[in-house]
Amino acid sequence: MADSAMGDTSMGDAAKISVQVCYALPDSSFLKALTLDRGTTIAQAIEASGVLSTHPEIDLSQVRLGIFGKLKAADTEVREGDRIEIYRPLQADPKETRRRRAAHRKAAKG
């Protein structure tokens, strides 16, 4: 009987994972460590973190999400040790920025 109780405890621990949710702004950041059930999705982890209430500007249907810098879908299951990242929209189009820099250098050279 004691063996089965110990087995239940280890199963309970095995059903939990530790992850982090992060969201960075130019002047501040949000980083929260969570212990969640195995099978939790990125979207569920973000909701559980509380970041949506502290940063209401985040619209999960519009932002890009990732794990350790790799883009992932909101329904991706998280794994032990994952760092879930919420990416802000780009302020400027990178291609347009490169064009402006190139034009500025060309004009400076004369």
C-alpha atoms as a PDB file:
ATOM      1  CA  MET A   1       0.000   0.000   0.000  1.00  0.00           C
ATOM      2  CA  ALA A   2       2.837   2.385   0.784  1.00  0.00           C
ATOM      3  CA  ASP A   3       4.354   1.624  -2.617  1.00  0.00           C
ATOM      4  CA  SER A   4       1.226   2.664  -4.486  1.00  0.00           C
ATOM      5  CA  ALA A   5       0.997   5.914  -2.495  1.00  0.00           C
ATOM      6  CA  MET A   6       4.613   6.708  -3.387  1.00  0.00           C
ATOM      7  CA  GLY A   7       3.866   5.863  -7.006  1.00  0.00           C
ATOM      8  CA  ASP A   8       0.930   8.293  -6.992  1.00  0.00           C
ATOM      9  CA  THR A   9       3.158  11.066  -5.627  1.00  0.00           C
ATOM     10  CA  SER A  10       5.781  10.558  -8.315  1.00  0.00           C
ATOM     11  CA  MET A  11       3.062  10.538 -10.982  1.00  0.00           C
ATOM     12  CA  GLY A  12       1.766  13.845  -9.617  1.00  0.00           C
ATOM     13  CA  ASP A  13       5.234  15.409  -9.822  1.00  0.00           C
ATOM     14  CA  ALA A  14       5.746  14.024 -13.329  1.00  0.00           C
ATOM     15  CA  ALA A  15       2.516  15.685 -14.438  1.00  0.00           C
ATOM     16  CA  LYS A  16       3.903  19.175 -13.648  1.00  0.00           C
ATOM     17  CA  ILE A  17       6.428  21.248 -15.596  1.00  0.00           C
ATOM     18  CA  SER A  18       8.246  24.512 -14.888  1.00  0.00           C
ATOM     19  CA  VAL A  19       8.270  27.255 -17.538  1.00  0.00           C
ATOM     20  CA  GLN A  20       8.807  31.005 -17.772  1.00  0.00           C
ATOM     21  CA  VAL A  21       6.686  33.617 -19.542  1.00  0.00           C
ATOM     22  CA  CYS A  22       8.399  36.812 -20.658  1.00  0.00           C
ATOM     23  CA  TYR A  23       7.367  40.032 -22.348  1.00  0.00           C
ATOM     24  CA  ALA A  24       9.875  42.827 -22.898  1.00  0.00           C
ATOM     25  CA  LEU A  25       9.187  46.505 -23.438  1.00  0.00           C
ATOM     26  CA  PRO A  26      11.782  49.231 -24.077  1.00  0.00           C
ATOM     27  CA  ASP A  27      11.626  50.434 -20.461  1.00  0.00           C
ATOM     28  CA  SER A  28      10.457  47.359 -18.521  1.00  0.00           C
ATOM     29  CA  SER A  29       9.964  43.629 -18.689  1.00  0.00           C
ATOM     30  CA  PHE A  30       7.674  40.917 -17.391  1.00  0.00           C
ATOM     31  CA  LEU A  31       9.178  37.570 -16.394  1.00  0.00           C
ATOM     32  CA  LYS A  32       7.285  34.993 -14.380  1.00  0.00           C
ATOM     33  CA  ALA A  33       8.163  31.411 -13.501  1.00  0.00           C
ATOM     34  CA  LEU A  34       5.214  29.012 -13.436  1.00  0.00           C
ATOM     35  CA  THR A  35       4.542  25.403 -12.551  1.00  0.00           C
ATOM     36  CA  LEU A  36       1.903  24.036 -14.900  1.00  0.00           C
ATOM     37  CA  ASP A  37       0.286  20.770 -15.865  1.00  0.00           C
ATOM     38  CA  ARG A  38       1.988  18.797 -18.605  1.00  0.00           C
ATOM     39  CA  GLY A  39       0.049  19.348 -21.840  1.00  0.00           C
ATOM     40  CA  THR A  40      -0.464  23.083 -21.214  1.00  0.00           C
ATOM     41  CA  THR A  41      -0.319  25.197 -24.378  1.00  0.00           C
ATOM     42  CA  ILE A  42       1.555  28.451 -24.905  1.00  0.00           C
ATOM     43  CA  ALA A  43      -1.725  30.412 -24.802  1.00  0.00           C
ATOM     44  CA  GLN A  44      -2.789  28.738 -21.546  1.00  0.00           C
ATOM     45  CA  ALA A  45       0.599  29.439 -19.960  1.00  0.00           C
ATOM     46  CA  ILE A  46       0.406  33.102 -20.966  1.00  0.00           C
ATOM     47  CA  GLU A  47      -3.086  33.387 -19.473  1.00  0.00           C
ATOM     48  CA  ALA A  48      -1.928  31.675 -16.253  1.00  0.00           C
ATOM     49  CA  SER A  49       1.033  34.064 -15.931  1.00  0.00           C
ATOM     50  CA  GLY A  50      -1.133  37.156 -15.457  1.00  0.00           C
ATOM     51  CA  VAL A  51       0.737  39.114 -18.132  1.00  0.00           C
ATOM     52  CA  LEU A  52      -2.508  39.850 -19.983  1.00  0.00           C
ATOM     53  CA  SER A  53      -3.920  41.731 -16.982  1.00  0.00           C
ATOM     54  CA  THR A  54      -0.730  43.719 -16.365  1.00  0.00           C
ATOM     55  CA  HIS A  55      -0.264  44.434 -20.093  1.00  0.00           C
ATOM     56  CA  PRO A  56      -3.754  44.740 -21.619  1.00  0.00           C
ATOM     57  CA  GLU A  57      -2.252  45.917 -24.923  1.00  0.00           C
ATOM     58  CA  ILE A  58      -1.289  42.304 -25.678  1.00  0.00           C
ATOM     59  CA  ASP A  59      -3.739  40.730 -28.118  1.00  0.00           C
ATOM     60  CA  LEU A  60      -2.946  37.019 -28.394  1.00  0.00           C
ATOM     61  CA  SER A  61      -4.682  36.868 -31.757  1.00  0.00           C
ATOM     62  CA  GLN A  62      -2.298  39.509 -33.152  1.00  0.00           C
ATOM     63  CA  VAL A  63       1.116  39.061 -31.488  1.00  0.00           C
ATOM     64  CA  ARG A  64       3.763  36.537 -32.404  1.00  0.00           C
ATOM     65  CA  LEU A  65       4.765  33.968 -29.818  1.00  0.00           C
ATOM     66  CA  GLY A  66       7.825  31.827 -29.429  1.00  0.00           C
ATOM     67  CA  ILE A  67       9.943  29.590 -27.271  1.00  0.00           C
ATOM     68  CA  PHE A  68      13.616  30.512 -26.922  1.00  0.00           C
ATOM     69  CA  GLY A  69      13.504  32.776 -29.993  1.00  0.00           C
ATOM     70  CA  LYS A  70      11.754  30.336 -32.317  1.00  0.00           C
ATOM     71  CA  LEU A  71       8.258  31.237 -33.513  1.00  0.00           C
ATOM     72  CA  LYS A  72       5.537  28.874 -32.308  1.00  0.00           C
ATOM     73  CA  ALA A  73       1.759  28.653 -32.587  1.00  0.00           C
ATOM     74  CA  ALA A  74      -0.371  29.503 -29.536  1.00  0.00           C
ATOM     75  CA  ASP A  75      -1.610  25.893 -29.372  1.00  0.00           C
ATOM     76  CA  THR A  76       1.922  24.447 -29.066  1.00  0.00           C
ATOM     77  CA  GLU A  77       2.350  22.381 -25.897  1.00  0.00           C
ATOM     78  CA  VAL A  78       5.075  23.707 -23.617  1.00  0.00           C
ATOM     79  CA  ARG A  79       7.811  21.501 -22.189  1.00  0.00           C
ATOM     80  CA  GLU A  80       9.878  21.520 -19.033  1.00  0.00           C
ATOM     81  CA  GLY A  81      12.182  24.534 -18.894  1.00  0.00           C
ATOM     82  CA  ASP A  82      10.642  26.420 -21.847  1.00  0.00           C
ATOM     83  CA  ARG A  83      10.831  30.217 -21.918  1.00  0.00           C
ATOM     84  CA  ILE A  84       7.661  31.454 -23.605  1.00  0.00           C
ATOM     85  CA  GLU A  85       8.189  34.791 -25.319  1.00  0.00           C
ATOM     86  CA  ILE A  86       5.597  37.335 -26.424  1.00  0.00           C
ATOM     87  CA  TYR A  87       6.968  39.452 -29.267  1.00  0.00           C
ATOM     88  CA  ARG A  88       5.952  43.064 -29.799  1.00  0.00           C
ATOM     89  CA  PRO A  89       5.154  44.221 -33.340  1.00  0.00           C
ATOM     90  CA  LEU A  90       8.014  45.828 -35.240  1.00  0.00           C
ATOM     91  CA  GLN A  91       7.983  49.624 -35.111  1.00  0.00           C
ATOM     92  CA  ALA A  92       9.546  49.919 -38.577  1.00  0.00           C
ATOM     93  CA  ASP A  93       9.769  47.649 -41.592  1.00  0.00           C
ATOM     94  CA  PRO A  94      13.367  46.297 -41.675  1.00  0.00           C
ATOM     95  CA  LYS A  95      13.520  46.473 -45.475  1.00  0.00           C
ATOM     96  CA  GLU A  96      12.416  50.110 -45.493  1.00  0.00           C
ATOM     97  CA  THR A  97      14.929  50.954 -42.768  1.00  0.00           C
ATOM     98  CA  ARG A  98      17.774  49.409 -44.829  1.00  0.00           C
ATOM     99  CA  ARG A  99      16.637  51.355 -47.914  1.00  0.00           C
ATOM    100  CA  ARG A 100      16.679  54.635 -45.984  1.00  0.00           C
ATOM    101  CA  ARG A 101      20.159  53.923 -44.569  1.00  0.00           C
ATOM    102  CA  ALA A 102      21.489  53.018 -48.029  1.00  0.00           C
ATOM    103  CA  ALA A 103      19.987  56.189 -49.540  1.00  0.00           C
ATOM    104  CA  HIS A 104      21.456  58.284 -46.727  1.00  0.00           C
ATOM    105  CA  ARG A 105      24.955  56.767 -47.274  1.00  0.00           C
ATOM    106  CA  LYS A 106      24.665  57.292 -51.018  1.00  0.00           C
ATOM    107  CA  ALA A 107      23.687  60.946 -50.520  1.00  0.00           C
ATOM    108  CA  ALA A 108      26.540  61.441 -48.021  1.00  0.00           C
ATOM    109  CA  LYS A 109      29.111  60.107 -50.516  1.00  0.00           C
ATOM    110  CA  GLY A 110      27.879  62.673 -52.995  1.00  0.00           C
END
